[in-house]
Amino acid sequence: MLKLSSAFVVVCTTCAALMAVTGSAEAKKSCVVKAAEGTGSDEKAAKFQVDEALLQAVDWGAWASWMANGTTPGYEYGKRKYKCSKGGIGVVCRGQAKICKL
């Protein structure tokens, strides 16, 4: 039968705890790439509609926070890419963004 010293058990337990902490700190962010379309009277309004739809597709709570104060707690709302053209009631924009849960 194998006997382990109590010092070895403590060291191994500490190692396991450190690996668990390190592993969770290095966990990859969960990211999605979303696309949306928005229409507005001008380009700024159409892009705003795109931004809203992108967040709504991921998390309504993040959208509500963004509408209230411009922040997205728990999410990294990446740089948006837009392609806009005249149409609809003024301007139609299609946009895309990478949104990551932190």
C-alpha atoms as a PDB file:
ATOM      1  CA  MET A   1       0.000   0.000   0.000  1.00  0.00           C
ATOM      2  CA  LEU A   2       1.292   3.428  -0.933  1.00  0.00           C
ATOM      3  CA  LYS A   3       1.687   5.901   1.921  1.00  0.00           C
ATOM      4  CA  LEU A   4       1.805   9.630   1.167  1.00  0.00           C
ATOM      5  CA  SER A   5       3.213  12.185   3.520  1.00  0.00           C
ATOM      6  CA  SER A   6       0.864  14.939   4.660  1.00  0.00           C
ATOM      7  CA  ALA A   7       3.248  17.552   3.173  1.00  0.00           C
ATOM      8  CA  PHE A   8       2.882  15.954  -0.275  1.00  0.00           C
ATOM      9  CA  VAL A   9      -0.913  15.946   0.005  1.00  0.00           C
ATOM     10  CA  VAL A  10      -0.943  19.649   0.983  1.00  0.00           C
ATOM     11  CA  VAL A  11       1.338  20.555  -1.943  1.00  0.00           C
ATOM     12  CA  CYS A  12      -0.793  18.578  -4.421  1.00  0.00           C
ATOM     13  CA  THR A  13      -3.998  20.123  -3.083  1.00  0.00           C
ATOM     14  CA  THR A  14      -2.470  23.591  -3.425  1.00  0.00           C
ATOM     15  CA  CYS A  15      -1.351  22.801  -6.981  1.00  0.00           C
ATOM     16  CA  ALA A  16      -4.851  21.673  -7.924  1.00  0.00           C
ATOM     17  CA  ALA A  17      -6.353  24.843  -6.459  1.00  0.00           C
ATOM     18  CA  LEU A  18      -3.857  27.025  -8.330  1.00  0.00           C
ATOM     19  CA  MET A  19      -4.542  25.210 -11.601  1.00  0.00           C
ATOM     20  CA  ALA A  20      -8.284  25.722 -11.128  1.00  0.00           C
ATOM     21  CA  VAL A  21      -7.816  29.457 -10.514  1.00  0.00           C
ATOM     22  CA  THR A  22      -5.413  29.811 -13.444  1.00  0.00           C
ATOM     23  CA  GLY A  23      -7.676  27.824 -15.718  1.00  0.00           C
ATOM     24  CA  SER A  24     -10.697  29.991 -14.944  1.00  0.00           C
ATOM     25  CA  ALA A  25      -8.688  33.202 -15.373  1.00  0.00           C
ATOM     26  CA  GLU A  26      -7.504  32.030 -18.769  1.00  0.00           C
ATOM     27  CA  ALA A  27     -10.930  30.870 -19.902  1.00  0.00           C
ATOM     28  CA  LYS A  28     -11.721  32.103 -23.366  1.00  0.00           C
ATOM     29  CA  LYS A  29     -14.415  34.701 -23.804  1.00  0.00           C
ATOM     30  CA  SER A  30     -17.577  33.452 -25.441  1.00  0.00           C
ATOM     31  CA  CYS A  31     -17.973  35.510 -28.627  1.00  0.00           C
ATOM     32  CA  VAL A  32     -20.540  35.700 -31.391  1.00  0.00           C
ATOM     33  CA  VAL A  33     -20.582  37.637 -34.640  1.00  0.00           C
ATOM     34  CA  LYS A  34     -23.992  39.129 -35.368  1.00  0.00           C
ATOM     35  CA  ALA A  35     -25.411  41.072 -38.302  1.00  0.00           C
ATOM     36  CA  ALA A  36     -28.421  43.382 -38.470  1.00  0.00           C
ATOM     37  CA  GLU A  37     -30.138  45.943 -40.667  1.00  0.00           C
ATOM     38  CA  GLY A  38     -31.457  49.361 -39.711  1.00  0.00           C
ATOM     39  CA  THR A  39     -33.406  52.084 -41.497  1.00  0.00           C
ATOM     40  CA  GLY A  40     -33.497  55.738 -40.588  1.00  0.00           C
ATOM     41  CA  SER A  41     -34.012  59.224 -41.922  1.00  0.00           C
ATOM     42  CA  ASP A  42     -30.238  59.674 -42.065  1.00  0.00           C
ATOM     43  CA  GLU A  43     -27.117  57.503 -41.758  1.00  0.00           C
ATOM     44  CA  LYS A  44     -26.667  58.194 -38.045  1.00  0.00           C
ATOM     45  CA  ALA A  45     -30.223  57.037 -37.259  1.00  0.00           C
ATOM     46  CA  ALA A  46     -29.878  53.913 -39.416  1.00  0.00           C
ATOM     47  CA  LYS A  47     -26.590  52.946 -37.722  1.00  0.00           C
ATOM     48  CA  PHE A  48     -28.234  53.453 -34.327  1.00  0.00           C
ATOM     49  CA  GLN A  49     -30.966  51.003 -35.362  1.00  0.00           C
ATOM     50  CA  VAL A  50     -28.291  48.486 -36.387  1.00  0.00           C
ATOM     51  CA  ASP A  51     -26.499  48.872 -33.047  1.00  0.00           C
ATOM     52  CA  GLU A  52     -29.745  48.267 -31.153  1.00  0.00           C
ATOM     53  CA  ALA A  53     -30.633  45.162 -33.168  1.00  0.00           C
ATOM     54  CA  LEU A  54     -27.138  43.691 -32.711  1.00  0.00           C
ATOM     55  CA  LEU A  55     -27.385  43.929 -28.928  1.00  0.00           C
ATOM     56  CA  GLN A  56     -30.994  42.734 -28.837  1.00  0.00           C
ATOM     57  CA  ALA A  57     -29.915  39.609 -30.712  1.00  0.00           C
ATOM     58  CA  VAL A  58     -27.454  38.790 -27.902  1.00  0.00           C
ATOM     59  CA  ASP A  59     -28.858  40.056 -24.590  1.00  0.00           C
ATOM     60  CA  TRP A  60     -31.822  42.323 -23.882  1.00  0.00           C
ATOM     61  CA  GLY A  61     -30.284  43.363 -20.558  1.00  0.00           C
ATOM     62  CA  ALA A  62     -27.119  44.562 -22.307  1.00  0.00           C
ATOM     63  CA  TRP A  63     -29.304  46.442 -24.798  1.00  0.00           C
ATOM     64  CA  ALA A  64     -31.275  48.124 -21.985  1.00  0.00           C
ATOM     65  CA  SER A  65     -28.072  49.199 -20.247  1.00  0.00           C
ATOM     66  CA  TRP A  66     -26.619  50.506 -23.518  1.00  0.00           C
ATOM     67  CA  MET A  67     -29.791  52.525 -24.136  1.00  0.00           C
ATOM     68  CA  ALA A  68     -29.735  53.916 -20.576  1.00  0.00           C
ATOM     69  CA  ASN A  69     -26.064  54.828 -20.206  1.00  0.00           C
ATOM     70  CA  GLY A  70     -24.001  53.609 -23.174  1.00  0.00           C
ATOM     71  CA  THR A  71     -22.445  50.638 -21.347  1.00  0.00           C
ATOM     72  CA  THR A  72     -22.777  46.897 -21.881  1.00  0.00           C
ATOM     73  CA  PRO A  73     -21.928  45.281 -18.513  1.00  0.00           C
ATOM     74  CA  GLY A  74     -20.683  41.744 -18.939  1.00  0.00           C
ATOM     75  CA  TYR A  75     -20.105  42.196 -22.662  1.00  0.00           C
ATOM     76  CA  GLU A  76     -17.429  43.578 -24.917  1.00  0.00           C
ATOM     77  CA  TYR A  77     -19.262  45.264 -27.790  1.00  0.00           C
ATOM     78  CA  GLY A  78     -16.661  45.357 -30.554  1.00  0.00           C
ATOM     79  CA  LYS A  79     -16.184  47.773 -33.386  1.00  0.00           C
ATOM     80  CA  ARG A  80     -19.089  47.754 -35.800  1.00  0.00           C
ATOM     81  CA  LYS A  81     -18.790  47.600 -39.596  1.00  0.00           C
ATOM     82  CA  TYR A  82     -21.516  49.218 -41.683  1.00  0.00           C
ATOM     83  CA  LYS A  83     -22.564  49.378 -45.323  1.00  0.00           C
ATOM     84  CA  CYS A  84     -25.163  52.066 -45.930  1.00  0.00           C
ATOM     85  CA  SER A  85     -27.170  53.170 -48.956  1.00  0.00           C
ATOM     86  CA  LYS A  86     -30.129  55.364 -49.814  1.00  0.00           C
ATOM     87  CA  GLY A  87     -33.431  53.524 -49.601  1.00  0.00           C
ATOM     88  CA  GLY A  88     -36.457  52.821 -47.456  1.00  0.00           C
ATOM     89  CA  ILE A  89     -37.441  56.017 -45.661  1.00  0.00           C
ATOM     90  CA  GLY A  90     -34.005  57.555 -46.140  1.00  0.00           C
ATOM     91  CA  VAL A  91     -30.968  55.379 -45.449  1.00  0.00           C
ATOM     92  CA  VAL A  92     -30.610  51.625 -44.973  1.00  0.00           C
ATOM     93  CA  CYS A  93     -27.532  50.290 -43.163  1.00  0.00           C
ATOM     94  CA  ARG A  94     -26.392  46.728 -42.729  1.00  0.00           C
ATOM     95  CA  GLY A  95     -23.938  46.177 -39.928  1.00  0.00           C
ATOM     96  CA  GLN A  96     -21.912  43.510 -38.223  1.00  0.00           C
ATOM     97  CA  ALA A  97     -20.135  43.257 -34.863  1.00  0.00           C
ATOM     98  CA  LYS A  98     -18.317  40.780 -32.674  1.00  0.00           C
ATOM     99  CA  ILE A  99     -19.899  40.679 -29.206  1.00  0.00           C
ATOM    100  CA  CYS A 100     -18.112  38.804 -26.418  1.00  0.00           C
ATOM    101  CA  LYS A 101     -19.422  37.741 -23.021  1.00  0.00           C
ATOM    102  CA  LEU A 102     -16.774  38.532 -20.429  1.00  0.00           C
END
